Amino acid sequence: VRLASDQLTMEWLTGSVALLADTIHNLSDALVALPLWFAFSISKRKPTPHYPYGFYRVEDLAGLGVLLAIFASGLWTGWESIERIINPKVPQNILLGIVAGFVGGLGNEIVARYRLKVGKEIRSLALMAEGHHARMDALTSLGVVVGLGLVALGFPLADPVAGLIITAFIFSIVFEVGKDLIPRIVGKADADEIEEIRSVANKTEGVEGVGSIKLQWLGHRCFADLCISVSPLISVSEAHRITEGVRHELLHHIPALVDVTIHADPHTEESPDPFHDLTAHHF
């Protein structure tokens, strides 16, 4: 917020629309960090009878709010840039604007490195998206520097053109964040995540085979359901011991996993799920 407020002061002194676009972008970043912080705080609450899967989905909703805020900032900066092209105005105090652009770029790169590091560690798609977002902000700040530099060399339209380029970057971020976030909210699970669960389960003692696997992400945590096959000659207690062994191994190998529901089938050579014929017509 301090960085954005400093840039806003510089924009008032210089009248640069490119710097205004970068300032709006940085201010939106600072403001959307608040709902992310709120979402992470809420997601730590324990499950309740009415919310048996906890409150992890709040993080996804906050990420969607971030996406809408970025989109709104793009509309604003694009409008301001077009208006400045129609009604040209040469920026003043260009050196101050260039300094502000450099400071903004450096600050955003520091923020980007931190968000990407933490987001990767906890596997938070929303936080990693914000990290990539901040890195793009650093590049747009450098665009401000280039635009004002060209103005100083006698190209006054370079400033609003830089503003339009920054606007294009903003909308590219909306696309990049949205193409990962929205499918995750809908329920997409990556193939490598499914295969990791299959591999861990197959290696567990007593497991004869692994059938269907379902994985649901809620924020940066996930829940899984899978079917395994065990020897039909063992007792129910032994089958239960094997399923608990699979659960234990999965919870150790996949830190983001909150819990997993495991169904044990008697293993046969005929088909993966020969004992599910009774319910097959429901699916």
C-alpha atoms as a PDB file:
ATOM      1  CA  VAL A   1       0.000   0.000   0.000  1.00  0.00           C
ATOM      2  CA  ARG A   2       2.872   2.390   0.861  1.00  0.00           C
ATOM      3  CA  LEU A   3       4.499   1.719  -2.506  1.00  0.00           C
ATOM      4  CA  ALA A   4       1.250   2.400  -4.347  1.00  0.00           C
ATOM      5  CA  SER A   5       0.585   5.602  -2.382  1.00  0.00           C
ATOM      6  CA  ASP A   6       4.097   6.855  -3.163  1.00  0.00           C
ATOM      7  CA  GLN A   7       3.563   6.104  -6.838  1.00  0.00           C
ATOM      8  CA  LEU A   8       0.200   7.905  -6.724  1.00  0.00           C
ATOM      9  CA  THR A   9       1.969  11.006  -5.414  1.00  0.00           C
ATOM     10  CA  MET A  10       4.489  10.726  -8.242  1.00  0.00           C
ATOM     11  CA  GLU A  11       1.684  10.352 -10.765  1.00  0.00           C
ATOM     12  CA  TRP A  12       0.071  13.567  -9.455  1.00  0.00           C
ATOM     13  CA  LEU A  13       3.389  15.377  -9.843  1.00  0.00           C
ATOM     14  CA  THR A  14       4.152  14.023 -13.304  1.00  0.00           C
ATOM     15  CA  GLY A  15       0.710  13.587 -14.900  1.00  0.00           C
ATOM     16  CA  SER A  16       1.884  10.333 -16.504  1.00  0.00           C
ATOM     17  CA  VAL A  17      -0.982   8.047 -17.531  1.00  0.00           C
ATOM     18  CA  ALA A  18       1.410   5.089 -17.752  1.00  0.00           C
ATOM     19  CA  LEU A  19       2.467   5.719 -14.161  1.00  0.00           C
ATOM     20  CA  LEU A  20      -1.209   6.055 -13.220  1.00  0.00           C
ATOM     21  CA  ALA A  21      -1.917   2.664 -14.821  1.00  0.00           C
ATOM     22  CA  ASP A  22       0.971   1.081 -12.932  1.00  0.00           C
ATOM     23  CA  THR A  23      -0.151   2.761  -9.688  1.00  0.00           C
ATOM     24  CA  ILE A  24      -3.734   1.495 -10.043  1.00  0.00           C
ATOM     25  CA  HIS A  25      -2.362  -1.966 -10.743  1.00  0.00           C
ATOM     26  CA  ASN A  26      -0.107  -1.921  -7.662  1.00  0.00           C
ATOM     27  CA  LEU A  27      -2.883  -0.516  -5.480  1.00  0.00           C
ATOM     28  CA  SER A  28      -5.240  -3.295  -6.589  1.00  0.00           C
ATOM     29  CA  ASP A  29      -2.531  -5.815  -5.705  1.00  0.00           C
ATOM     30  CA  ALA A  30      -2.210  -4.381  -2.216  1.00  0.00           C
ATOM     31  CA  LEU A  31      -5.966  -4.375  -1.679  1.00  0.00           C
ATOM     32  CA  VAL A  32      -6.536  -7.940  -2.942  1.00  0.00           C
ATOM     33  CA  ALA A  33      -3.893  -9.178  -0.488  1.00  0.00           C
ATOM     34  CA  LEU A  34      -6.395  -8.414   2.296  1.00  0.00           C
ATOM     35  CA  PRO A  35      -9.082 -10.903   1.176  1.00  0.00           C
ATOM     36  CA  LEU A  36      -6.354 -13.523   0.643  1.00  0.00           C
ATOM     37  CA  TRP A  37      -5.139 -13.014   4.199  1.00  0.00           C
ATOM     38  CA  PHE A  38      -8.749 -13.212   5.433  1.00  0.00           C
ATOM     39  CA  ALA A  39      -9.341 -16.393   3.436  1.00  0.00           C
ATOM     40  CA  PHE A  40      -6.246 -18.097   4.853  1.00  0.00           C
ATOM     41  CA  SER A  41      -7.369 -17.160   8.368  1.00  0.00           C
ATOM     42  CA  ILE A  42     -10.875 -18.574   7.825  1.00  0.00           C
ATOM     43  CA  SER A  43      -9.565 -21.763   6.187  1.00  0.00           C
ATOM     44  CA  LYS A  44      -7.678 -22.663   9.385  1.00  0.00           C
ATOM     45  CA  ARG A  45     -10.935 -23.149  11.269  1.00  0.00           C
ATOM     46  CA  LYS A  46     -11.825 -26.714  12.152  1.00  0.00           C
ATOM     47  CA  PRO A  47     -14.702 -28.499  10.364  1.00  0.00           C
ATOM     48  CA  THR A  48     -18.162 -28.312  11.904  1.00  0.00           C
ATOM     49  CA  PRO A  49     -21.254 -30.523  11.516  1.00  0.00           C
ATOM     50  CA  HIS A  50     -22.626 -28.059   8.958  1.00  0.00           C
ATOM     51  CA  TYR A  51     -19.242 -27.655   7.184  1.00  0.00           C
ATOM     52  CA  PRO A  52     -17.763 -31.170   7.366  1.00  0.00           C
ATOM     53  CA  TYR A  53     -15.080 -30.383   4.771  1.00  0.00           C
ATOM     54  CA  GLY A  54     -13.941 -27.264   6.596  1.00  0.00           C
ATOM     55  CA  PHE A  55     -13.623 -23.764   5.179  1.00  0.00           C
ATOM     56  CA  TYR A  56     -10.866 -24.260   2.598  1.00  0.00           C
ATOM     57  CA  ARG A  57     -13.159 -23.190  -0.276  1.00  0.00           C
ATOM     58  CA  VAL A  58     -13.067 -19.610   1.045  1.00  0.00           C
ATOM     59  CA  GLU A  59      -9.578 -19.338  -0.440  1.00  0.00           C
ATOM     60  CA  ASP A  60     -10.966 -20.117  -3.907  1.00  0.00           C
ATOM     61  CA  LEU A  61     -13.645 -17.452  -3.493  1.00  0.00           C
ATOM     62  CA  ALA A  62     -10.978 -14.930  -2.492  1.00  0.00           C
ATOM     63  CA  GLY A  63      -8.963 -15.893  -5.560  1.00  0.00           C
ATOM     64  CA  LEU A  64     -12.011 -15.240  -7.728  1.00  0.00           C
ATOM     65  CA  GLY A  65     -12.353 -11.833  -6.073  1.00  0.00           C
ATOM     66  CA  VAL A  66      -8.703 -11.145  -6.909  1.00  0.00           C
ATOM     67  CA  LEU A  67      -9.406 -12.019 -10.536  1.00  0.00           C
ATOM     68  CA  LEU A  68     -12.351  -9.596 -10.711  1.00  0.00           C
ATOM     69  CA  ALA A  69     -10.309  -6.811  -9.074  1.00  0.00           C
ATOM     70  CA  ILE A  70      -7.510  -7.234 -11.624  1.00  0.00           C
ATOM     71  CA  PHE A  71     -10.056  -7.165 -14.455  1.00  0.00           C
ATOM     72  CA  ALA A  72     -11.599  -3.943 -13.100  1.00  0.00           C
ATOM     73  CA  SER A  73      -8.175  -2.290 -12.831  1.00  0.00           C
ATOM     74  CA  GLY A  74      -7.527  -3.207 -16.475  1.00  0.00           C
ATOM     75  CA  LEU A  75     -10.743  -1.514 -17.584  1.00  0.00           C
ATOM     76  CA  TRP A  76      -9.841   1.648 -15.668  1.00  0.00           C
ATOM     77  CA  THR A  77      -6.277   1.935 -16.938  1.00  0.00           C
ATOM     78  CA  GLY A  78      -7.363   1.199 -20.502  1.00  0.00           C
ATOM     79  CA  TRP A  79      -9.975   3.956 -20.375  1.00  0.00           C
ATOM     80  CA  GLU A  80      -7.504   6.486 -18.954  1.00  0.00           C
ATOM     81  CA  SER A  81      -4.920   5.633 -21.624  1.00  0.00           C
ATOM     82  CA  ILE A  82      -7.389   6.016 -24.481  1.00  0.00           C
ATOM     83  CA  GLU A  83      -8.668   9.302 -23.064  1.00  0.00           C
ATOM     84  CA  ARG A  84      -5.077  10.619 -22.892  1.00  0.00           C
ATOM     85  CA  ILE A  85      -4.510   9.688 -26.544  1.00  0.00           C
ATOM     86  CA  ILE A  86      -7.654  11.608 -27.517  1.00  0.00           C
ATOM     87  CA  ASN A  87      -6.703  14.561 -25.287  1.00  0.00           C
ATOM     88  CA  PRO A  88      -2.880  14.569 -25.209  1.00  0.00           C
ATOM     89  CA  LYS A  89      -1.039  15.929 -22.189  1.00  0.00           C
ATOM     90  CA  VAL A  90       2.740  15.922 -21.876  1.00  0.00           C
ATOM     91  CA  PRO A  91       3.908  14.536 -18.482  1.00  0.00           C
ATOM     92  CA  GLN A  92       5.937  16.785 -16.180  1.00  0.00           C
ATOM     93  CA  ASN A  93       8.805  15.955 -13.794  1.00  0.00           C
ATOM     94  CA  ILE A  94       9.714  12.974 -15.934  1.00  0.00           C
ATOM     95  CA  LEU A  95      12.756  12.066 -13.830  1.00  0.00           C
ATOM     96  CA  LEU A  96      10.542  11.591 -10.778  1.00  0.00           C
ATOM     97  CA  GLY A  97       8.289   9.284 -12.799  1.00  0.00           C
ATOM     98  CA  ILE A  98      11.243   7.218 -13.970  1.00  0.00           C
ATOM     99  CA  VAL A  99      12.472   6.847 -10.378  1.00  0.00           C
ATOM    100  CA  ALA A 100       8.965   5.802  -9.282  1.00  0.00           C
ATOM    101  CA  GLY A 101       8.880   3.198 -12.053  1.00  0.00           C
ATOM    102  CA  PHE A 102      12.208   1.726 -10.961  1.00  0.00           C
ATOM    103  CA  VAL A 103      11.114   1.630  -7.317  1.00  0.00           C
ATOM    104  CA  GLY A 104       7.809  -0.002  -8.272  1.00  0.00           C
ATOM    105  CA  GLY A 105       9.575  -2.636 -10.358  1.00  0.00           C
ATOM    106  CA  LEU A 106      12.006  -3.532  -7.584  1.00  0.00           C
ATOM    107  CA  GLY A 107       9.292  -3.690  -4.922  1.00  0.00           C
ATOM    108  CA  ASN A 108       7.072  -5.911  -7.059  1.00  0.00           C
ATOM    109  CA  GLU A 109       9.905  -8.336  -7.807  1.00  0.00           C
ATOM    110  CA  ILE A 110      10.603  -8.731  -4.080  1.00  0.00           C
ATOM    111  CA  VAL A 111       6.912  -9.385  -3.416  1.00  0.00           C
ATOM    112  CA  ALA A 112       6.735 -11.823  -6.351  1.00  0.00           C
ATOM    113  CA  ARG A 113       9.645 -13.918  -5.062  1.00  0.00           C
ATOM    114  CA  TYR A 114       8.086 -14.192  -1.600  1.00  0.00           C
ATOM    115  CA  ARG A 115       4.577 -15.098  -2.811  1.00  0.00           C
ATOM    116  CA  LEU A 116       5.866 -17.691  -5.268  1.00  0.00           C
ATOM    117  CA  LYS A 117       8.060 -19.291  -2.616  1.00  0.00           C
ATOM    118  CA  VAL A 118       5.292 -19.582  -0.024  1.00  0.00           C
ATOM    119  CA  GLY A 119       2.640 -20.524  -2.617  1.00  0.00           C
ATOM    120  CA  LYS A 120       4.808 -23.370  -3.926  1.00  0.00           C
ATOM    121  CA  GLU A 121       5.508 -24.631  -0.423  1.00  0.00           C
ATOM    122  CA  ILE A 122       1.828 -24.845   0.557  1.00  0.00           C
ATOM    123  CA  ARG A 123       0.570 -25.581  -2.999  1.00  0.00           C
ATOM    124  CA  SER A 124      -1.748 -22.580  -2.999  1.00  0.00           C
ATOM    125  CA  LEU A 125      -2.863 -21.787  -6.531  1.00  0.00           C
ATOM    126  CA  ALA A 126      -4.297 -18.426  -5.486  1.00  0.00           C
ATOM    127  CA  LEU A 127      -1.061 -17.337  -3.796  1.00  0.00           C
ATOM    128  CA  MET A 128       1.124 -18.536  -6.675  1.00  0.00           C
ATOM    129  CA  ALA A 129      -1.115 -16.660  -9.106  1.00  0.00           C
ATOM    130  CA  GLU A 130      -0.568 -13.532  -7.039  1.00  0.00           C
ATOM    131  CA  GLY A 131       3.179 -14.175  -7.220  1.00  0.00           C
ATOM    132  CA  HIS A 132       3.124 -14.350 -11.023  1.00  0.00           C
ATOM    133  CA  HIS A 133       0.873 -11.304 -10.972  1.00  0.00           C
ATOM    134  CA  ALA A 134       3.439  -9.341  -8.930  1.00  0.00           C
ATOM    135  CA  ARG A 135       6.221 -10.394 -11.304  1.00  0.00           C
ATOM    136  CA  MET A 136       4.203  -9.096 -14.232  1.00  0.00           C
ATOM    137  CA  ASP A 137       3.757  -5.863 -12.286  1.00  0.00           C
ATOM    138  CA  ALA A 138       7.524  -5.505 -12.120  1.00  0.00           C
ATOM    139  CA  LEU A 139       7.667  -5.713 -15.912  1.00  0.00           C
ATOM    140  CA  THR A 140       4.885  -3.143 -16.321  1.00  0.00           C
ATOM    141  CA  SER A 141       6.771  -0.783 -14.005  1.00  0.00           C
ATOM    142  CA  LEU A 142       9.738  -1.073 -16.330  1.00  0.00           C
ATOM    143  CA  GLY A 143       7.314  -0.243 -19.160  1.00  0.00           C
ATOM    144  CA  VAL A 144       6.578   3.033 -17.370  1.00  0.00           C
ATOM    145  CA  VAL A 145      10.299   3.799 -17.326  1.00  0.00           C
ATOM    146  CA  VAL A 146      10.613   3.109 -21.063  1.00  0.00           C
ATOM    147  CA  GLY A 147       7.513   5.175 -21.880  1.00  0.00           C
ATOM    148  CA  LEU A 148       8.653   8.215 -19.891  1.00  0.00           C
ATOM    149  CA  GLY A 149      12.132   7.865 -21.343  1.00  0.00           C
ATOM    150  CA  LEU A 150      10.667   8.115 -24.845  1.00  0.00           C
ATOM    151  CA  VAL A 151       8.610  11.144 -23.791  1.00  0.00           C
ATOM    152  CA  ALA A 152      11.835  12.805 -22.651  1.00  0.00           C
ATOM    153  CA  LEU A 153      13.287  12.087 -26.104  1.00  0.00           C
ATOM    154  CA  GLY A 154      10.393  13.895 -27.803  1.00  0.00           C
ATOM    155  CA  PHE A 155       7.666  11.272 -28.237  1.00  0.00           C
ATOM    156  CA  PRO A 156       4.747  12.518 -26.046  1.00  0.00           C
ATOM    157  CA  LEU A 157       2.320   9.775 -27.147  1.00  0.00           C
ATOM    158  CA  ALA A 158       4.725   7.153 -25.783  1.00  0.00           C
ATOM    159  CA  ASP A 159       3.209   7.674 -22.306  1.00  0.00           C
ATOM    160  CA  PRO A 160      -0.438   6.724 -23.098  1.00  0.00           C
ATOM    161  CA  VAL A 161       0.804   4.000 -25.459  1.00  0.00           C
ATOM    162  CA  ALA A 162       2.790   2.576 -22.527  1.00  0.00           C
ATOM    163  CA  GLY A 163      -0.438   2.784 -20.515  1.00  0.00           C
ATOM    164  CA  LEU A 164      -2.235   0.691 -23.146  1.00  0.00           C
ATOM    165  CA  ILE A 165       0.594  -1.849 -23.153  1.00  0.00           C
ATOM    166  CA  ILE A 166       0.330  -2.117 -19.368  1.00  0.00           C
ATOM    167  CA  THR A 167      -3.434  -2.586 -19.778  1.00  0.00           C
ATOM    168  CA  ALA A 168      -2.757  -5.467 -22.169  1.00  0.00           C
ATOM    169  CA  PHE A 169      -0.431  -6.997 -19.553  1.00  0.00           C
ATOM    170  CA  ILE A 170      -3.198  -6.666 -16.954  1.00  0.00           C
ATOM    171  CA  PHE A 171      -5.695  -8.531 -19.130  1.00  0.00           C
ATOM    172  CA  SER A 172      -3.083 -11.189 -19.912  1.00  0.00           C
ATOM    173  CA  ILE A 173      -2.791 -11.732 -16.143  1.00  0.00           C
ATOM    174  CA  VAL A 174      -6.576 -12.116 -15.932  1.00  0.00           C
ATOM    175  CA  PHE A 175      -6.326 -14.846 -18.567  1.00  0.00           C
ATOM    176  CA  GLU A 176      -3.325 -16.586 -16.971  1.00  0.00           C
ATOM    177  CA  VAL A 177      -4.834 -16.576 -13.486  1.00  0.00           C
ATOM    178  CA  GLY A 178      -8.312 -17.484 -14.695  1.00  0.00           C
ATOM    179  CA  LYS A 179      -7.269 -20.480 -16.813  1.00  0.00           C
ATOM    180  CA  ASP A 180      -5.849 -22.174 -13.710  1.00  0.00           C
ATOM    181  CA  LEU A 181      -8.135 -20.850 -10.978  1.00  0.00           C
ATOM    182  CA  ILE A 182     -11.546 -21.358 -12.607  1.00  0.00           C
ATOM    183  CA  PRO A 183     -10.982 -25.024 -13.615  1.00  0.00           C
ATOM    184  CA  ARG A 184      -9.726 -25.681 -10.071  1.00  0.00           C
ATOM    185  CA  ILE A 185     -12.904 -24.167  -8.601  1.00  0.00           C
ATOM    186  CA  VAL A 186     -15.040 -26.238 -10.990  1.00  0.00           C
ATOM    187  CA  GLY A 187     -13.234 -29.395  -9.819  1.00  0.00           C
ATOM    188  CA  LYS A 188     -10.311 -30.127 -12.141  1.00  0.00           C
ATOM    189  CA  ALA A 189      -7.615 -32.522 -10.897  1.00  0.00           C
ATOM    190  CA  ASP A 190      -4.321 -32.840 -12.789  1.00  0.00           C
ATOM    191  CA  ALA A 191      -3.353 -36.241 -14.180  1.00  0.00           C
ATOM    192  CA  ASP A 192       0.008 -36.255 -12.361  1.00  0.00           C
ATOM    193  CA  GLU A 193      -1.788 -35.757  -9.030  1.00  0.00           C
ATOM    194  CA  ILE A 194      -4.036 -38.753  -9.722  1.00  0.00           C
ATOM    195  CA  GLU A 195      -1.035 -40.860 -10.763  1.00  0.00           C
ATOM    196  CA  GLU A 196       0.831 -39.912  -7.597  1.00  0.00           C
ATOM    197  CA  ILE A 197      -2.056 -41.254  -5.504  1.00  0.00           C
ATOM    198  CA  ARG A 198      -2.222 -44.400  -7.625  1.00  0.00           C
ATOM    199  CA  SER A 199       1.519 -45.002  -7.310  1.00  0.00           C
ATOM    200  CA  VAL A 200       1.555 -44.586  -3.524  1.00  0.00           C
ATOM    201  CA  ALA A 201      -1.483 -46.855  -3.072  1.00  0.00           C
ATOM    202  CA  ASN A 202      -0.076 -49.572  -5.362  1.00  0.00           C
ATOM    203  CA  LYS A 203       3.135 -49.726  -3.334  1.00  0.00           C
ATOM    204  CA  THR A 204       1.319 -50.251  -0.029  1.00  0.00           C
ATOM    205  CA  GLU A 205       1.532 -53.768   1.399  1.00  0.00           C
ATOM    206  CA  GLY A 206      -1.593 -55.832   0.821  1.00  0.00           C
ATOM    207  CA  VAL A 207      -2.954 -53.802  -2.113  1.00  0.00           C
ATOM    208  CA  GLU A 208      -3.632 -56.013  -5.148  1.00  0.00           C
ATOM    209  CA  GLY A 209      -4.771 -53.198  -7.438  1.00  0.00           C
ATOM    210  CA  VAL A 210      -6.115 -49.645  -7.573  1.00  0.00           C
ATOM    211  CA  GLY A 211      -9.397 -48.703  -9.225  1.00  0.00           C
ATOM    212  CA  SER A 212     -11.104 -45.327  -9.591  1.00  0.00           C
ATOM    213  CA  ILE A 213      -9.565 -42.256  -7.962  1.00  0.00           C
ATOM    214  CA  LYS A 214     -11.251 -38.924  -7.306  1.00  0.00           C
ATOM    215  CA  LEU A 215      -9.451 -35.806  -6.105  1.00  0.00           C
ATOM    216  CA  GLN A 216     -11.106 -32.556  -5.031  1.00  0.00           C
ATOM    217  CA  TRP A 217      -9.120 -29.389  -4.295  1.00  0.00           C
ATOM    218  CA  LEU A 218     -10.507 -26.855  -1.827  1.00  0.00           C
ATOM    219  CA  GLY A 219      -8.136 -23.904  -1.690  1.00  0.00           C
ATOM    220  CA  HIS A 220      -4.618 -25.235  -1.109  1.00  0.00           C
ATOM    221  CA  ARG A 221      -5.866 -28.468   0.522  1.00  0.00           C
ATOM    222  CA  CYS A 222      -7.456 -31.533  -1.064  1.00  0.00           C
ATOM    223  CA  PHE A 223      -9.641 -34.568  -0.346  1.00  0.00           C
ATOM    224  CA  ALA A 224      -9.484 -37.900  -2.181  1.00  0.00           C
ATOM    225  CA  ASP A 225     -11.635 -40.987  -2.753  1.00  0.00           C
ATOM    226  CA  LEU A 226     -10.306 -44.214  -4.210  1.00  0.00           C
ATOM    227  CA  CYS A 227     -11.030 -47.906  -4.609  1.00  0.00           C
ATOM    228  CA  ILE A 228      -8.423 -50.567  -3.932  1.00  0.00           C
ATOM    229  CA  SER A 229      -8.644 -54.333  -4.338  1.00  0.00           C
ATOM    230  CA  VAL A 230      -7.441 -56.777  -1.703  1.00  0.00           C
ATOM    231  CA  SER A 231      -7.362 -60.535  -1.415  1.00  0.00           C
ATOM    232  CA  PRO A 232     -10.888 -62.010  -1.049  1.00  0.00           C
ATOM    233  CA  LEU A 233      -9.485 -64.550   1.428  1.00  0.00           C
ATOM    234  CA  ILE A 234      -8.597 -62.082   4.184  1.00  0.00           C
ATOM    235  CA  SER A 235     -10.813 -60.935   7.051  1.00  0.00           C
ATOM    236  CA  VAL A 236     -12.668 -57.643   7.242  1.00  0.00           C
ATOM    237  CA  SER A 237     -10.237 -56.559   9.968  1.00  0.00           C
ATOM    238  CA  GLU A 238      -7.263 -57.250   7.725  1.00  0.00           C
ATOM    239  CA  ALA A 239      -8.866 -55.366   4.834  1.00  0.00           C
ATOM    240  CA  HIS A 240      -9.444 -52.440   7.184  1.00  0.00           C
ATOM    241  CA  ARG A 241      -5.791 -52.562   8.258  1.00  0.00           C
ATOM    242  CA  ILE A 242      -4.705 -52.360   4.609  1.00  0.00           C
ATOM    243  CA  THR A 243      -6.959 -49.391   3.853  1.00  0.00           C
ATOM    244  CA  GLU A 244      -5.612 -47.583   6.904  1.00  0.00           C
ATOM    245  CA  GLY A 245      -2.108 -48.336   5.666  1.00  0.00           C
ATOM    246  CA  VAL A 246      -2.945 -46.727   2.317  1.00  0.00           C
ATOM    247  CA  ARG A 247      -4.419 -43.692   4.079  1.00  0.00           C
ATOM    248  CA  HIS A 248      -1.319 -43.358   6.250  1.00  0.00           C
ATOM    249  CA  GLU A 249       1.036 -43.510   3.263  1.00  0.00           C
ATOM    250  CA  LEU A 250      -0.985 -40.974   1.267  1.00  0.00           C
ATOM    251  CA  LEU A 251      -1.126 -38.488   4.149  1.00  0.00           C
ATOM    252  CA  HIS A 252       2.664 -38.736   4.439  1.00  0.00           C
ATOM    253  CA  HIS A 253       3.393 -38.410   0.718  1.00  0.00           C
ATOM    254  CA  ILE A 254       0.870 -35.662  -0.104  1.00  0.00           C
ATOM    255  CA  PRO A 255       1.090 -32.835   2.478  1.00  0.00           C
ATOM    256  CA  ALA A 256      -1.898 -31.002   0.955  1.00  0.00           C
ATOM    257  CA  LEU A 257      -4.169 -34.005   1.533  1.00  0.00           C
ATOM    258  CA  VAL A 258      -6.602 -33.471   4.421  1.00  0.00           C
ATOM    259  CA  ASP A 259      -8.261 -36.890   4.305  1.00  0.00           C
ATOM    260  CA  VAL A 260      -8.974 -39.789   1.962  1.00  0.00           C
ATOM    261  CA  THR A 261     -11.901 -42.197   1.790  1.00  0.00           C
ATOM    262  CA  ILE A 262     -10.904 -45.707   0.684  1.00  0.00           C
ATOM    263  CA  HIS A 263     -13.218 -48.491  -0.511  1.00  0.00           C
ATOM    264  CA  ALA A 264     -11.825 -52.044  -0.519  1.00  0.00           C
ATOM    265  CA  ASP A 265     -12.974 -54.549  -3.180  1.00  0.00           C
ATOM    266  CA  PRO A 266     -12.270 -58.283  -3.290  1.00  0.00           C
ATOM    267  CA  HIS A 267      -9.612 -58.769  -5.971  1.00  0.00           C
ATOM    268  CA  THR A 268     -10.545 -60.904  -9.008  1.00  0.00           C
ATOM    269  CA  GLU A 269      -9.202 -61.330 -12.539  1.00  0.00           C
ATOM    270  CA  GLU A 270     -12.574 -60.755 -14.210  1.00  0.00           C
ATOM    271  CA  SER A 271     -12.900 -56.959 -14.010  1.00  0.00           C
ATOM    272  CA  PRO A 272     -11.770 -54.051 -11.816  1.00  0.00           C
ATOM    273  CA  ASP A 273     -15.166 -53.651 -10.100  1.00  0.00           C
ATOM    274  CA  PRO A 274     -17.234 -56.834 -10.560  1.00  0.00           C
ATOM    275  CA  PHE A 275     -19.036 -56.292  -7.268  1.00  0.00           C
ATOM    276  CA  HIS A 276     -20.448 -52.893  -8.300  1.00  0.00           C
ATOM    277  CA  ASP A 277     -22.940 -54.199 -10.859  1.00  0.00           C
ATOM    278  CA  LEU A 278     -25.828 -53.452  -8.505  1.00  0.00           C
ATOM    279  CA  THR A 279     -25.186 -49.693  -8.556  1.00  0.00           C
ATOM    280  CA  ALA A 280     -23.628 -49.345 -12.037  1.00  0.00           C
ATOM    281  CA  HIS A 281     -26.899 -48.126 -13.594  1.00  0.00           C
ATOM    282  CA  HIS A 282     -26.806 -45.021 -11.359  1.00  0.00           C
ATOM    283  CA  PHE A 283     -23.618 -43.696 -12.979  1.00  0.00           C
END
